[in-house]
C-alpha cells in the first residue's frame, strides 16, 4: 500500500472460532496490511471469532438469525456494514449461504477462503472437504481465496496456495496444514487489496 493510500475499511463475517483471523490481526496491529478491520459480525453470539475481534479492539457484534429468512437477515447485515463505511467483506468460517441480493449489492467486494483447490471439492465445508480430498486420493490440497458470486464456491479465483497430502493424513491433520495456508494467502491478498480487486480501485476514483 502506498503511503498516500488509506486502508480499505474491512468487515469480517464468521460463525466459528476464527482461527484464520489471528495472523491477519497480528499483521494489522503492526500496519502490514492495506486494510483497516472495522467490524466483526457473527450469526452466533458465542462464536469465538467475536472474542478475537474484541480482544483486538474491533467492534464485534452478533446479529441473531431469529427465524428470519435469508434475504431479510442479509439485508440487516448489509445495513450494518454500510453504516460503518465498510468497503470489503471477508468470509472466515461463515456458515451461511449469502442471498443473491447481498451478493449483488457487494459484488466484487466479498472474499471467501475455501479449504480446497477449487473447483475440486466445492460445495463442501470444514472436515467434509478434507475427507473428500483423502477419499479422492489427491496428491495435493490447499486453499482458495475467491470472490463470491451467486454460485456457491464458484466465484473468480483470486489466489491459491498448495500443500502435499501425506500418506498418513487424517481429515484433522490435513485441515491443520491447510489452515496455515489460509492465513498466509489472506495476508498476501490483504497486503495490497487494491491490486487484487479492481472494483475497489474503481470505487475510489
N, C-alpha and C. Protein backbone atom coordinates (compact mmCIF):
# COMPACT_ATOMS: atom_id res chain seq x y z
N UNK A 1 0.84 -1.19 0.00
CA UNK A 1 0.00 0.00 0.00
C UNK A 1 0.88 1.24 0.00
N UNK A 2 0.61 2.17 -0.88
CA UNK A 2 1.39 3.40 -0.94
C UNK A 2 1.07 4.26 0.26
N UNK A 3 2.01 5.16 0.58
CA UNK A 3 1.87 5.97 1.80
C UNK A 3 0.68 6.92 1.74
N UNK A 4 0.22 7.25 0.55
CA UNK A 4 -0.88 8.20 0.42
C UNK A 4 -2.22 7.52 0.20
N UNK A 5 -2.26 6.22 0.33
CA UNK A 5 -3.49 5.47 0.09
C UNK A 5 -4.03 4.96 1.41
N UNK A 6 -5.26 5.34 1.75
CA UNK A 6 -5.80 4.92 3.03
C UNK A 6 -6.18 3.44 2.99
N UNK A 7 -6.15 2.78 4.14
CA UNK A 7 -6.53 1.37 4.19
C UNK A 7 -7.99 1.15 3.78
N UNK A 8 -8.27 0.00 3.26
CA UNK A 8 -9.63 -0.38 2.86
C UNK A 8 -10.40 -0.80 4.11
N UNK A 9 -11.52 -0.15 4.36
CA UNK A 9 -12.33 -0.48 5.54
C UNK A 9 -12.98 -1.84 5.33
N UNK A 10 -12.67 -2.76 6.24
CA UNK A 10 -12.99 -4.17 6.04
C UNK A 10 -13.79 -4.74 7.20
N UNK A 11 -14.79 -5.55 6.86
CA UNK A 11 -15.57 -6.28 7.86
C UNK A 11 -15.34 -7.77 7.66
N UNK A 12 -15.42 -8.50 8.76
CA UNK A 12 -15.28 -9.95 8.74
C UNK A 12 -16.60 -10.57 9.17
N UNK A 13 -17.10 -11.51 8.38
CA UNK A 13 -18.28 -12.29 8.76
C UNK A 13 -17.82 -13.70 9.09
N UNK A 14 -18.15 -14.19 10.28
CA UNK A 14 -17.72 -15.52 10.68
C UNK A 14 -18.67 -16.15 11.66
N UNK A 15 -18.65 -17.49 11.69
CA UNK A 15 -19.55 -18.23 12.57
C UNK A 15 -18.80 -19.13 13.55
N UNK A 16 -17.48 -19.25 13.40
CA UNK A 16 -16.74 -20.25 14.15
C UNK A 16 -15.67 -19.59 15.03
N UNK A 17 -14.59 -20.31 15.28
CA UNK A 17 -13.55 -19.80 16.20
C UNK A 17 -12.73 -18.67 15.60
N UNK A 18 -12.67 -18.61 14.28
CA UNK A 18 -11.91 -17.54 13.64
C UNK A 18 -10.42 -17.74 13.67
N UNK A 19 -9.97 -19.00 13.59
CA UNK A 19 -8.53 -19.27 13.63
C UNK A 19 -7.77 -18.55 12.53
N UNK A 20 -8.37 -18.46 11.34
CA UNK A 20 -7.68 -17.82 10.21
C UNK A 20 -7.57 -16.31 10.39
N UNK A 21 -8.34 -15.75 11.33
CA UNK A 21 -8.28 -14.31 11.56
C UNK A 21 -7.04 -13.91 12.35
N UNK A 22 -6.49 -14.83 13.15
CA UNK A 22 -5.40 -14.49 14.06
C UNK A 22 -4.18 -13.91 13.34
N UNK A 23 -3.64 -14.57 12.30
CA UNK A 23 -2.48 -13.97 11.64
C UNK A 23 -2.79 -12.64 10.96
N UNK A 24 -4.03 -12.46 10.55
CA UNK A 24 -4.42 -11.19 9.93
C UNK A 24 -4.41 -10.08 10.98
N UNK A 25 -4.92 -10.37 12.16
CA UNK A 25 -4.92 -9.36 13.22
C UNK A 25 -3.49 -9.04 13.67
N UNK A 26 -2.65 -10.05 13.72
CA UNK A 26 -1.26 -9.80 14.12
C UNK A 26 -0.58 -8.85 13.13
N UNK A 27 -0.82 -9.06 11.84
CA UNK A 27 -0.21 -8.19 10.83
C UNK A 27 -0.85 -6.80 10.85
N UNK A 28 -2.15 -6.76 11.07
CA UNK A 28 -2.88 -5.48 11.11
C UNK A 28 -2.38 -4.60 12.25
N UNK A 29 -2.08 -5.22 13.38
CA UNK A 29 -1.64 -4.45 14.56
C UNK A 29 -0.33 -3.73 14.30
N UNK A 30 0.49 -4.26 13.41
CA UNK A 30 1.79 -3.63 13.13
C UNK A 30 1.78 -3.00 11.73
N UNK A 31 0.59 -2.72 11.22
CA UNK A 31 0.40 -1.95 9.98
C UNK A 31 1.06 -2.60 8.76
N UNK A 32 0.93 -3.93 8.66
CA UNK A 32 1.48 -4.60 7.49
C UNK A 32 0.39 -4.95 6.48
N UNK A 33 -0.80 -4.45 6.67
CA UNK A 33 -1.89 -4.75 5.76
C UNK A 33 -2.44 -3.47 5.15
N UNK A 34 -3.06 -3.63 4.00
CA UNK A 34 -3.70 -2.49 3.34
C UNK A 34 -5.17 -2.37 3.68
N UNK A 35 -5.57 -2.97 4.81
CA UNK A 35 -6.96 -2.90 5.25
C UNK A 35 -7.01 -2.39 6.68
N UNK A 36 -8.17 -1.87 7.06
CA UNK A 36 -8.44 -1.50 8.44
C UNK A 36 -9.65 -2.30 8.89
N UNK A 37 -9.45 -3.22 9.81
CA UNK A 37 -10.57 -4.03 10.29
C UNK A 37 -11.49 -3.16 11.13
N UNK A 38 -12.69 -2.95 10.62
CA UNK A 38 -13.65 -2.05 11.25
C UNK A 38 -14.74 -2.77 12.02
N UNK A 39 -14.96 -4.05 11.68
CA UNK A 39 -16.14 -4.73 12.22
C UNK A 39 -15.99 -6.24 12.06
N UNK A 40 -16.43 -6.96 13.09
CA UNK A 40 -16.59 -8.42 13.01
C UNK A 40 -18.05 -8.71 13.31
N UNK A 41 -18.68 -9.49 12.45
CA UNK A 41 -20.10 -9.84 12.61
C UNK A 41 -20.24 -11.35 12.60
N UNK A 42 -21.06 -11.88 13.50
CA UNK A 42 -21.36 -13.30 13.51
C UNK A 42 -22.85 -13.52 13.67
N UNK A 43 -23.32 -14.63 13.11
CA UNK A 43 -24.71 -15.05 13.32
C UNK A 43 -24.86 -15.85 14.60
N UNK A 44 -23.74 -16.10 15.29
CA UNK A 44 -23.75 -16.88 16.53
C UNK A 44 -23.13 -16.05 17.64
N UNK A 45 -23.91 -15.83 18.70
CA UNK A 45 -23.46 -14.92 19.76
C UNK A 45 -22.26 -15.46 20.52
N UNK A 46 -22.06 -16.78 20.52
CA UNK A 46 -20.95 -17.38 21.26
C UNK A 46 -19.78 -17.74 20.35
N UNK A 47 -19.79 -17.28 19.13
CA UNK A 47 -18.71 -17.62 18.21
C UNK A 47 -17.38 -17.05 18.70
N UNK A 48 -16.34 -17.86 18.65
CA UNK A 48 -15.04 -17.43 19.11
C UNK A 48 -14.46 -16.27 18.33
N UNK A 49 -14.88 -16.12 17.09
CA UNK A 49 -14.35 -15.04 16.27
C UNK A 49 -14.72 -13.67 16.84
N UNK A 50 -15.84 -13.58 17.53
CA UNK A 50 -16.23 -12.32 18.16
C UNK A 50 -15.27 -11.95 19.28
N UNK A 51 -14.89 -12.94 20.07
CA UNK A 51 -13.94 -12.69 21.16
C UNK A 51 -12.59 -12.24 20.60
N UNK A 52 -12.15 -12.87 19.51
CA UNK A 52 -10.88 -12.47 18.91
C UNK A 52 -10.94 -11.03 18.42
N UNK A 53 -12.07 -10.65 17.82
CA UNK A 53 -12.22 -9.28 17.37
C UNK A 53 -12.20 -8.29 18.53
N UNK A 54 -12.94 -8.60 19.58
CA UNK A 54 -13.00 -7.70 20.73
C UNK A 54 -11.63 -7.56 21.40
N UNK A 55 -10.91 -8.68 21.50
CA UNK A 55 -9.58 -8.63 22.11
C UNK A 55 -8.64 -7.72 21.31
N UNK A 56 -8.90 -7.59 20.01
CA UNK A 56 -8.07 -6.73 19.17
C UNK A 56 -8.58 -5.29 19.12
N UNK A 57 -9.66 -5.00 19.86
CA UNK A 57 -10.20 -3.65 19.87
C UNK A 57 -11.10 -3.32 18.70
N UNK A 58 -11.64 -4.35 18.04
CA UNK A 58 -12.52 -4.17 16.89
C UNK A 58 -13.97 -4.33 17.33
N UNK A 59 -14.84 -3.47 16.86
CA UNK A 59 -16.26 -3.65 17.14
C UNK A 59 -16.69 -5.02 16.64
N UNK A 60 -17.26 -5.81 17.53
CA UNK A 60 -17.63 -7.19 17.19
C UNK A 60 -19.04 -7.46 17.71
N UNK A 61 -19.94 -7.78 16.80
CA UNK A 61 -21.35 -7.91 17.18
C UNK A 61 -21.95 -9.19 16.62
N UNK A 62 -22.91 -9.72 17.36
CA UNK A 62 -23.71 -10.84 16.88
C UNK A 62 -25.03 -10.31 16.36
N UNK A 63 -25.44 -10.80 15.20
CA UNK A 63 -26.76 -10.48 14.65
C UNK A 63 -27.50 -11.80 14.53
N UNK A 64 -28.32 -12.14 15.52
CA UNK A 64 -29.00 -13.44 15.52
C UNK A 64 -29.96 -13.57 14.34
N UNK A 65 -30.09 -14.78 13.88
CA UNK A 65 -30.98 -15.05 12.75
C UNK A 65 -32.44 -14.89 13.16
N UNK A 66 -32.81 -15.40 14.33
CA UNK A 66 -34.16 -15.24 14.88
C UNK A 66 -35.25 -15.70 13.93
N UNK A 67 -34.99 -16.76 13.19
CA UNK A 67 -36.01 -17.32 12.33
C UNK A 67 -36.29 -16.56 11.06
N UNK A 68 -35.55 -15.48 10.82
CA UNK A 68 -35.77 -14.70 9.60
C UNK A 68 -35.25 -15.44 8.38
N UNK A 69 -35.84 -15.12 7.23
CA UNK A 69 -35.34 -15.75 6.01
C UNK A 69 -34.02 -15.10 5.61
N UNK A 70 -33.38 -15.71 4.64
CA UNK A 70 -32.03 -15.30 4.26
C UNK A 70 -31.98 -13.86 3.75
N UNK A 71 -32.96 -13.47 2.96
CA UNK A 71 -32.95 -12.13 2.38
C UNK A 71 -33.09 -11.07 3.47
N UNK A 72 -34.02 -11.27 4.40
CA UNK A 72 -34.23 -10.30 5.47
C UNK A 72 -33.00 -10.21 6.37
N UNK A 73 -32.43 -11.35 6.70
CA UNK A 73 -31.25 -11.34 7.56
C UNK A 73 -30.08 -10.63 6.88
N UNK A 74 -29.82 -10.97 5.64
CA UNK A 74 -28.70 -10.36 4.92
C UNK A 74 -28.90 -8.86 4.72
N UNK A 75 -30.16 -8.44 4.59
CA UNK A 75 -30.43 -7.01 4.46
C UNK A 75 -30.01 -6.26 5.71
N UNK A 76 -30.27 -6.85 6.88
CA UNK A 76 -29.85 -6.19 8.12
C UNK A 76 -28.33 -6.15 8.22
N UNK A 77 -27.67 -7.27 7.88
CA UNK A 77 -26.20 -7.29 7.92
C UNK A 77 -25.64 -6.22 6.99
N UNK A 78 -26.22 -6.12 5.80
CA UNK A 78 -25.73 -5.15 4.83
C UNK A 78 -25.88 -3.72 5.35
N UNK A 79 -27.00 -3.43 5.98
CA UNK A 79 -27.19 -2.08 6.53
C UNK A 79 -26.17 -1.77 7.61
N UNK A 80 -25.85 -2.75 8.43
CA UNK A 80 -24.84 -2.55 9.47
C UNK A 80 -23.48 -2.28 8.83
N UNK A 81 -23.13 -3.04 7.80
CA UNK A 81 -21.85 -2.84 7.13
C UNK A 81 -21.78 -1.44 6.52
N UNK A 82 -22.83 -1.04 5.86
CA UNK A 82 -22.82 0.28 5.22
C UNK A 82 -22.76 1.40 6.24
N UNK A 83 -23.38 1.20 7.39
CA UNK A 83 -23.37 2.24 8.42
C UNK A 83 -21.98 2.45 9.00
N UNK A 84 -21.11 1.45 8.84
CA UNK A 84 -19.72 1.57 9.30
C UNK A 84 -18.76 1.92 8.17
N UNK A 85 -19.29 2.20 7.01
CA UNK A 85 -18.44 2.58 5.89
C UNK A 85 -17.60 1.46 5.34
N UNK A 86 -18.06 0.23 5.48
CA UNK A 86 -17.30 -0.93 5.03
C UNK A 86 -17.20 -0.95 3.51
N UNK A 87 -16.00 -1.30 3.02
CA UNK A 87 -15.75 -1.39 1.58
C UNK A 87 -15.49 -2.82 1.12
N UNK A 88 -14.99 -3.66 2.02
CA UNK A 88 -14.60 -5.03 1.67
C UNK A 88 -15.12 -5.97 2.75
N UNK A 89 -15.63 -7.12 2.33
CA UNK A 89 -16.18 -8.11 3.26
C UNK A 89 -15.38 -9.41 3.13
N UNK A 90 -14.89 -9.90 4.27
CA UNK A 90 -14.20 -11.19 4.30
C UNK A 90 -15.09 -12.22 4.96
N UNK A 91 -15.21 -13.40 4.36
CA UNK A 91 -15.93 -14.50 4.97
C UNK A 91 -14.89 -15.47 5.55
N UNK A 92 -14.90 -15.60 6.86
CA UNK A 92 -13.96 -16.51 7.53
C UNK A 92 -14.76 -17.50 8.37
N UNK A 93 -14.98 -18.67 7.82
CA UNK A 93 -15.79 -19.65 8.53
C UNK A 93 -17.23 -19.21 8.71
N UNK A 94 -17.77 -18.54 7.71
CA UNK A 94 -19.15 -18.06 7.79
C UNK A 94 -20.06 -19.17 7.30
N UNK A 95 -20.85 -19.75 8.20
CA UNK A 95 -21.62 -20.95 7.91
C UNK A 95 -23.02 -20.62 7.40
N UNK A 96 -23.08 -19.66 6.50
CA UNK A 96 -24.34 -19.31 5.87
C UNK A 96 -24.10 -19.07 4.38
N UNK A 97 -25.11 -19.42 3.60
CA UNK A 97 -25.08 -19.10 2.17
C UNK A 97 -25.68 -17.71 2.00
N UNK A 98 -24.94 -16.83 1.35
CA UNK A 98 -25.40 -15.46 1.16
C UNK A 98 -26.53 -15.39 0.14
N UNK A 99 -27.45 -14.47 0.37
CA UNK A 99 -28.55 -14.27 -0.56
C UNK A 99 -28.06 -13.61 -1.84
N UNK A 100 -28.81 -13.80 -2.90
CA UNK A 100 -28.49 -13.17 -4.18
C UNK A 100 -28.46 -11.65 -4.03
N UNK A 101 -29.37 -11.13 -3.24
CA UNK A 101 -29.44 -9.68 -3.07
C UNK A 101 -28.17 -9.13 -2.41
N UNK A 102 -27.68 -9.84 -1.40
CA UNK A 102 -26.46 -9.40 -0.72
C UNK A 102 -25.26 -9.48 -1.66
N UNK A 103 -25.16 -10.59 -2.37
CA UNK A 103 -24.04 -10.78 -3.30
C UNK A 103 -24.04 -9.70 -4.38
N UNK A 104 -25.21 -9.38 -4.90
CA UNK A 104 -25.27 -8.36 -5.94
C UNK A 104 -24.90 -6.98 -5.40
N UNK A 105 -25.34 -6.68 -4.18
CA UNK A 105 -25.06 -5.37 -3.60
C UNK A 105 -23.56 -5.18 -3.34
N UNK A 106 -22.88 -6.27 -2.97
CA UNK A 106 -21.47 -6.21 -2.64
C UNK A 106 -20.59 -6.87 -3.70
N UNK A 107 -21.08 -6.90 -4.91
CA UNK A 107 -20.37 -7.58 -6.00
C UNK A 107 -18.93 -7.09 -6.12
N UNK A 108 -18.01 -8.04 -6.23
CA UNK A 108 -16.59 -7.72 -6.38
C UNK A 108 -15.91 -7.30 -5.11
N UNK A 109 -16.65 -7.33 -3.98
CA UNK A 109 -16.08 -6.86 -2.71
C UNK A 109 -16.28 -7.87 -1.58
N UNK A 110 -16.57 -9.13 -1.93
CA UNK A 110 -16.70 -10.20 -0.93
C UNK A 110 -15.66 -11.26 -1.24
N UNK A 111 -14.81 -11.55 -0.28
CA UNK A 111 -13.80 -12.60 -0.43
C UNK A 111 -14.10 -13.74 0.52
N UNK A 112 -13.99 -14.95 0.01
CA UNK A 112 -14.16 -16.15 0.82
C UNK A 112 -12.90 -17.00 0.69
N UNK A 113 -12.57 -17.72 1.75
CA UNK A 113 -11.49 -18.71 1.67
C UNK A 113 -12.13 -20.09 1.79
N UNK A 114 -11.76 -20.96 0.87
CA UNK A 114 -12.27 -22.33 0.87
C UNK A 114 -11.10 -23.28 1.06
N UNK A 115 -11.25 -24.30 1.92
CA UNK A 115 -10.11 -25.16 2.24
C UNK A 115 -9.87 -26.28 1.24
N UNK A 116 -9.89 -25.93 -0.03
CA UNK A 116 -9.52 -26.88 -1.08
C UNK A 116 -9.02 -26.10 -2.28
N UNK A 117 -8.52 -26.82 -3.25
CA UNK A 117 -8.10 -26.20 -4.50
C UNK A 117 -9.29 -26.21 -5.45
N UNK A 118 -10.15 -25.22 -5.28
CA UNK A 118 -11.34 -25.12 -6.13
C UNK A 118 -10.92 -25.14 -7.61
N UNK A 119 -11.77 -25.71 -8.48
CA UNK A 119 -13.14 -26.15 -8.23
C UNK A 119 -13.28 -27.52 -7.58
N UNK A 120 -12.18 -28.20 -7.32
CA UNK A 120 -12.28 -29.50 -6.66
C UNK A 120 -12.84 -29.34 -5.24
N UNK A 121 -13.76 -30.23 -4.90
CA UNK A 121 -14.34 -30.31 -3.55
C UNK A 121 -15.13 -29.07 -3.16
N UNK A 122 -15.62 -28.34 -4.15
CA UNK A 122 -16.50 -27.22 -3.87
C UNK A 122 -17.84 -27.72 -3.34
N UNK A 123 -18.52 -26.87 -2.61
CA UNK A 123 -19.83 -27.22 -2.07
C UNK A 123 -19.78 -27.98 -0.76
N UNK A 124 -18.57 -28.29 -0.29
CA UNK A 124 -18.41 -28.98 0.99
C UNK A 124 -17.85 -28.00 2.01
N UNK A 125 -17.96 -28.36 3.30
CA UNK A 125 -17.48 -27.47 4.36
C UNK A 125 -16.65 -28.23 5.36
N UNK A 126 -15.71 -27.54 5.95
CA UNK A 126 -14.93 -27.99 7.10
C UNK A 126 -14.34 -29.38 6.85
N UNK A 127 -14.50 -30.31 7.79
CA UNK A 127 -13.84 -31.61 7.67
C UNK A 127 -14.35 -32.42 6.47
N UNK A 128 -15.57 -32.12 6.00
CA UNK A 128 -16.07 -32.81 4.81
C UNK A 128 -15.13 -32.60 3.63
N UNK A 129 -14.57 -31.39 3.53
CA UNK A 129 -13.66 -31.08 2.42
C UNK A 129 -12.44 -31.98 2.48
N UNK A 130 -11.81 -32.04 3.63
CA UNK A 130 -10.56 -32.78 3.76
C UNK A 130 -10.79 -34.29 3.65
N UNK A 131 -11.92 -34.76 4.14
CA UNK A 131 -12.26 -36.17 3.97
C UNK A 131 -12.44 -36.49 2.49
N UNK A 132 -13.03 -35.56 1.74
CA UNK A 132 -13.23 -35.76 0.30
C UNK A 132 -11.90 -35.78 -0.43
N UNK A 133 -10.98 -34.91 -0.02
CA UNK A 133 -9.64 -34.89 -0.62
C UNK A 133 -8.95 -36.24 -0.44
N UNK A 134 -9.01 -36.77 0.79
CA UNK A 134 -8.37 -38.05 1.07
C UNK A 134 -9.05 -39.20 0.33
N UNK A 135 -10.38 -39.19 0.30
CA UNK A 135 -11.11 -40.25 -0.39
C UNK A 135 -10.84 -40.24 -1.89
N UNK A 136 -10.53 -39.07 -2.43
CA UNK A 136 -10.27 -38.95 -3.87
C UNK A 136 -8.83 -39.32 -4.24
N UNK A 137 -7.99 -39.51 -3.22
CA UNK A 137 -6.61 -39.86 -3.50
C UNK A 137 -5.78 -38.71 -4.05
N UNK A 138 -6.20 -37.48 -3.77
CA UNK A 138 -5.45 -36.32 -4.27
C UNK A 138 -4.04 -36.30 -3.68
N UNK A 139 -3.08 -35.91 -4.47
CA UNK A 139 -1.69 -35.81 -4.03
C UNK A 139 -1.38 -34.47 -3.38
N UNK A 140 -2.22 -33.48 -3.64
CA UNK A 140 -2.03 -32.17 -3.01
C UNK A 140 -3.38 -31.55 -2.70
N UNK A 141 -3.34 -30.65 -1.75
CA UNK A 141 -4.53 -29.89 -1.39
C UNK A 141 -4.08 -28.46 -1.16
N UNK A 142 -4.91 -27.70 -0.47
CA UNK A 142 -4.55 -26.30 -0.24
C UNK A 142 -5.79 -25.48 0.02
N UNK A 143 -5.70 -24.21 -0.28
CA UNK A 143 -6.83 -23.31 -0.05
C UNK A 143 -6.99 -22.39 -1.25
N UNK A 144 -8.18 -21.85 -1.36
CA UNK A 144 -8.51 -20.92 -2.45
C UNK A 144 -9.19 -19.69 -1.87
N UNK A 145 -8.67 -18.53 -2.20
CA UNK A 145 -9.38 -17.28 -1.93
C UNK A 145 -10.08 -16.88 -3.22
N UNK A 146 -11.38 -16.66 -3.13
CA UNK A 146 -12.13 -16.33 -4.34
C UNK A 146 -13.17 -15.26 -4.04
N UNK A 147 -13.52 -14.53 -5.07
CA UNK A 147 -14.64 -13.61 -4.97
C UNK A 147 -15.93 -14.40 -4.92
N UNK A 148 -16.90 -13.89 -4.20
CA UNK A 148 -18.17 -14.59 -4.02
C UNK A 148 -19.16 -14.11 -5.07
N UNK A 149 -19.80 -15.06 -5.74
CA UNK A 149 -20.91 -14.74 -6.62
C UNK A 149 -22.09 -15.65 -6.28
N UNK A 150 -23.07 -15.72 -7.16
CA UNK A 150 -24.28 -16.48 -6.84
C UNK A 150 -24.07 -17.98 -6.86
N UNK A 151 -22.99 -18.45 -7.45
CA UNK A 151 -22.68 -19.88 -7.47
C UNK A 151 -21.82 -20.21 -6.26
N UNK A 152 -22.29 -21.10 -5.40
CA UNK A 152 -21.55 -21.45 -4.19
C UNK A 152 -20.16 -21.99 -4.57
N UNK A 153 -19.13 -21.36 -4.03
CA UNK A 153 -17.73 -21.73 -4.27
C UNK A 153 -17.35 -21.61 -5.75
N UNK A 154 -18.10 -20.80 -6.50
CA UNK A 154 -17.86 -20.72 -7.94
C UNK A 154 -17.36 -19.38 -8.43
N UNK A 155 -17.08 -18.45 -7.53
CA UNK A 155 -16.63 -17.13 -7.95
C UNK A 155 -15.20 -17.13 -8.46
N UNK A 156 -14.79 -16.04 -9.12
CA UNK A 156 -13.44 -15.94 -9.68
C UNK A 156 -12.37 -16.15 -8.61
N UNK A 157 -11.37 -16.96 -8.96
CA UNK A 157 -10.28 -17.27 -8.05
C UNK A 157 -9.30 -16.10 -8.00
N UNK A 158 -8.96 -15.68 -6.77
CA UNK A 158 -8.01 -14.60 -6.56
C UNK A 158 -6.62 -15.17 -6.26
N UNK A 159 -6.56 -16.23 -5.47
CA UNK A 159 -5.27 -16.83 -5.11
C UNK A 159 -5.47 -18.25 -4.62
N UNK A 160 -4.49 -19.11 -4.89
CA UNK A 160 -4.46 -20.45 -4.31
C UNK A 160 -3.08 -20.71 -3.71
N UNK A 161 -3.06 -21.44 -2.61
CA UNK A 161 -1.82 -21.94 -2.03
C UNK A 161 -1.95 -23.44 -1.82
N UNK A 162 -0.84 -24.17 -2.00
CA UNK A 162 -0.88 -25.62 -2.06
C UNK A 162 0.01 -26.26 -1.01
N UNK A 163 -0.36 -27.50 -0.65
CA UNK A 163 0.48 -28.31 0.23
C UNK A 163 0.30 -29.77 -0.16
N UNK A 164 1.28 -30.61 0.15
CA UNK A 164 1.14 -32.03 -0.19
C UNK A 164 0.14 -32.72 0.74
N UNK A 165 -0.47 -33.76 0.22
CA UNK A 165 -1.28 -34.66 1.04
C UNK A 165 -0.38 -35.83 1.44
N UNK A 166 -0.23 -36.05 2.72
CA UNK A 166 0.68 -37.08 3.22
C UNK A 166 -0.02 -38.42 3.36
N UNK A 167 0.76 -39.49 3.30
CA UNK A 167 0.19 -40.83 3.33
C UNK A 167 -0.58 -41.12 4.61
N UNK A 168 -0.14 -40.55 5.72
CA UNK A 168 -0.80 -40.82 7.00
C UNK A 168 -1.76 -39.72 7.42
N UNK A 169 -2.13 -38.85 6.50
CA UNK A 169 -3.05 -37.76 6.85
C UNK A 169 -4.42 -38.28 7.25
N UNK A 170 -5.02 -37.58 8.18
CA UNK A 170 -6.44 -37.71 8.51
C UNK A 170 -7.10 -36.39 8.13
N UNK A 171 -8.42 -36.33 8.08
CA UNK A 171 -9.06 -35.04 7.81
C UNK A 171 -8.60 -33.95 8.78
N UNK A 172 -8.34 -34.32 10.03
CA UNK A 172 -7.94 -33.34 11.04
C UNK A 172 -6.52 -32.82 10.79
N UNK A 173 -5.59 -33.71 10.46
CA UNK A 173 -4.22 -33.25 10.24
C UNK A 173 -4.12 -32.43 8.95
N UNK A 174 -4.88 -32.82 7.94
CA UNK A 174 -4.87 -32.06 6.69
C UNK A 174 -5.50 -30.69 6.90
N UNK A 175 -6.56 -30.64 7.67
CA UNK A 175 -7.20 -29.35 7.98
C UNK A 175 -6.21 -28.41 8.65
N UNK A 176 -5.45 -28.92 9.61
CA UNK A 176 -4.50 -28.07 10.33
C UNK A 176 -3.45 -27.50 9.38
N UNK A 177 -2.99 -28.31 8.42
CA UNK A 177 -1.97 -27.83 7.48
C UNK A 177 -2.56 -26.80 6.53
N UNK A 178 -3.78 -27.01 6.10
CA UNK A 178 -4.42 -26.08 5.16
C UNK A 178 -4.75 -24.76 5.85
N UNK A 179 -5.12 -24.79 7.13
CA UNK A 179 -5.45 -23.55 7.83
C UNK A 179 -4.27 -22.59 7.87
N UNK A 180 -3.07 -23.13 7.98
CA UNK A 180 -1.88 -22.27 7.94
C UNK A 180 -1.79 -21.55 6.60
N UNK A 181 -2.13 -22.26 5.53
CA UNK A 181 -2.10 -21.66 4.20
C UNK A 181 -3.17 -20.59 4.05
N UNK A 182 -4.32 -20.78 4.69
CA UNK A 182 -5.40 -19.80 4.58
C UNK A 182 -4.95 -18.45 5.09
N UNK A 183 -4.30 -18.45 6.26
CA UNK A 183 -3.81 -17.20 6.81
C UNK A 183 -2.77 -16.56 5.92
N UNK A 184 -1.86 -17.38 5.38
CA UNK A 184 -0.80 -16.85 4.52
C UNK A 184 -1.37 -16.26 3.24
N UNK A 185 -2.37 -16.92 2.67
CA UNK A 185 -2.97 -16.43 1.43
C UNK A 185 -3.68 -15.10 1.65
N UNK A 186 -4.44 -15.01 2.74
CA UNK A 186 -5.12 -13.75 3.03
C UNK A 186 -4.13 -12.63 3.33
N UNK A 187 -3.03 -12.95 4.01
CA UNK A 187 -2.03 -11.93 4.27
C UNK A 187 -1.50 -11.34 2.97
N UNK A 188 -1.29 -12.20 1.99
CA UNK A 188 -0.76 -11.72 0.71
C UNK A 188 -1.78 -10.85 -0.01
N UNK A 189 -3.02 -11.29 -0.05
CA UNK A 189 -4.05 -10.52 -0.74
C UNK A 189 -4.31 -9.19 -0.04
N UNK A 190 -4.37 -9.22 1.28
CA UNK A 190 -4.74 -8.03 2.03
C UNK A 190 -3.58 -7.06 2.23
N UNK A 191 -2.38 -7.48 1.88
CA UNK A 191 -1.27 -6.54 1.95
C UNK A 191 -1.46 -5.40 0.96
N UNK A 192 -2.16 -5.68 -0.14
CA UNK A 192 -2.47 -4.64 -1.13
C UNK A 192 -3.75 -5.04 -1.87
N UNK A 193 -4.89 -4.96 -1.19
CA UNK A 193 -6.14 -5.46 -1.79
C UNK A 193 -6.54 -4.75 -3.07
N UNK A 194 -6.14 -3.50 -3.22
CA UNK A 194 -6.50 -2.76 -4.43
C UNK A 194 -5.95 -3.45 -5.67
N UNK A 195 -4.76 -4.04 -5.56
CA UNK A 195 -4.14 -4.67 -6.73
C UNK A 195 -4.84 -5.96 -7.10
N UNK A 196 -5.50 -6.62 -6.15
CA UNK A 196 -6.19 -7.87 -6.43
C UNK A 196 -7.65 -7.66 -6.79
N UNK A 197 -8.24 -6.55 -6.36
CA UNK A 197 -9.67 -6.33 -6.52
C UNK A 197 -9.91 -5.01 -7.24
N UNK A 198 -9.97 -5.04 -8.56
CA UNK A 198 -10.12 -3.81 -9.34
C UNK A 198 -11.33 -2.97 -8.95
N UNK A 199 -12.41 -3.61 -8.49
CA UNK A 199 -13.60 -2.85 -8.16
C UNK A 199 -13.32 -1.85 -7.04
N UNK A 200 -12.41 -2.20 -6.13
CA UNK A 200 -12.06 -1.29 -5.04
C UNK A 200 -11.37 -0.05 -5.58
N UNK A 201 -10.47 -0.27 -6.53
CA UNK A 201 -9.75 0.85 -7.13
C UNK A 201 -10.72 1.78 -7.86
N UNK A 202 -11.66 1.18 -8.60
CA UNK A 202 -12.63 1.99 -9.35
C UNK A 202 -13.53 2.79 -8.43
N UNK A 203 -13.89 2.20 -7.28
CA UNK A 203 -14.83 2.87 -6.38
C UNK A 203 -14.21 4.06 -5.69
N UNK A 204 -12.88 4.19 -5.76
CA UNK A 204 -12.20 5.29 -5.08
C UNK A 204 -11.85 6.43 -6.01
N UNK A 205 -12.25 6.33 -7.25
CA UNK A 205 -11.95 7.40 -8.21
C UNK A 205 -13.25 8.11 -8.62
